[in-house]
Amino acid sequence: MNPAILILVIIGGAAGGLSTLYIVFSLFGTLGFKIFRKIKYGISLFD
């Protein structure tokens, strides 16, 4: 396999993996923050 294509595949895979991890962590971070606000301040989860 061509080394240049192999490098592009690795970079593309890393970009996809990192963006997926960011989405997952931000989802749980947002949910955690909303639950924290609900418990501490009584604010609705949907605001």
Protein backbone atom coordinates (compact mmCIF):
# COMPACT_ATOMS: atom_id res chain seq x y z
CA MET A 1 0.00 0.00 0.00
CA ASN A 2 1.18 3.51 -0.78
CA PRO A 3 2.70 5.14 2.35
CA ALA A 4 1.03 8.51 1.62
CA ILE A 5 -2.41 6.89 1.51
CA LEU A 6 -1.62 4.99 4.69
CA ILE A 7 -0.74 8.26 6.47
CA LEU A 8 -3.98 9.87 5.25
CA VAL A 9 -5.97 6.87 6.50
CA ILE A 10 -4.33 7.10 9.92
CA ILE A 11 -4.93 10.87 10.17
CA GLY A 12 -8.55 10.50 9.02
CA GLY A 13 -9.19 7.69 11.48
CA ALA A 14 -7.68 9.69 14.33
CA ALA A 15 -9.79 12.74 13.43
CA GLY A 16 -12.96 10.62 13.39
CA GLY A 17 -12.09 8.92 16.66
CA LEU A 18 -11.26 12.16 18.44
CA SER A 19 -14.42 13.89 17.26
CA THR A 20 -16.48 10.91 18.41
CA LEU A 21 -14.84 11.00 21.85
CA TYR A 22 -15.48 14.74 22.10
CA ILE A 23 -19.18 14.28 21.30
CA VAL A 24 -19.55 11.47 23.86
CA PHE A 25 -17.78 13.36 26.66
CA SER A 26 -19.61 16.61 25.95
CA LEU A 27 -22.95 14.76 25.99
CA PHE A 28 -22.29 13.31 29.43
CA GLY A 29 -20.81 16.61 30.63
CA THR A 30 -23.92 18.51 29.57
CA LEU A 31 -26.23 15.96 31.19
CA GLY A 32 -24.17 16.05 34.38
CA PHE A 33 -24.28 19.86 34.46
CA LYS A 34 -28.04 19.90 33.94
CA ILE A 35 -28.59 17.34 36.71
CA PHE A 36 -26.30 19.35 39.00
CA ARG A 37 -28.32 22.53 38.32
CA LYS A 38 -31.55 20.62 38.91
CA ILE A 39 -30.37 19.35 42.29
CA LYS A 40 -28.70 22.56 43.50
CA TYR A 41 -30.97 25.27 42.10
CA GLY A 42 -34.19 23.45 41.14
CA ILE A 43 -33.91 24.60 37.50
CA SER A 44 -35.73 22.57 34.86
CA LEU A 45 -33.67 20.06 32.89
CA PHE A 46 -35.11 21.47 29.66
CA ASP A 47 -33.89 25.08 30.02
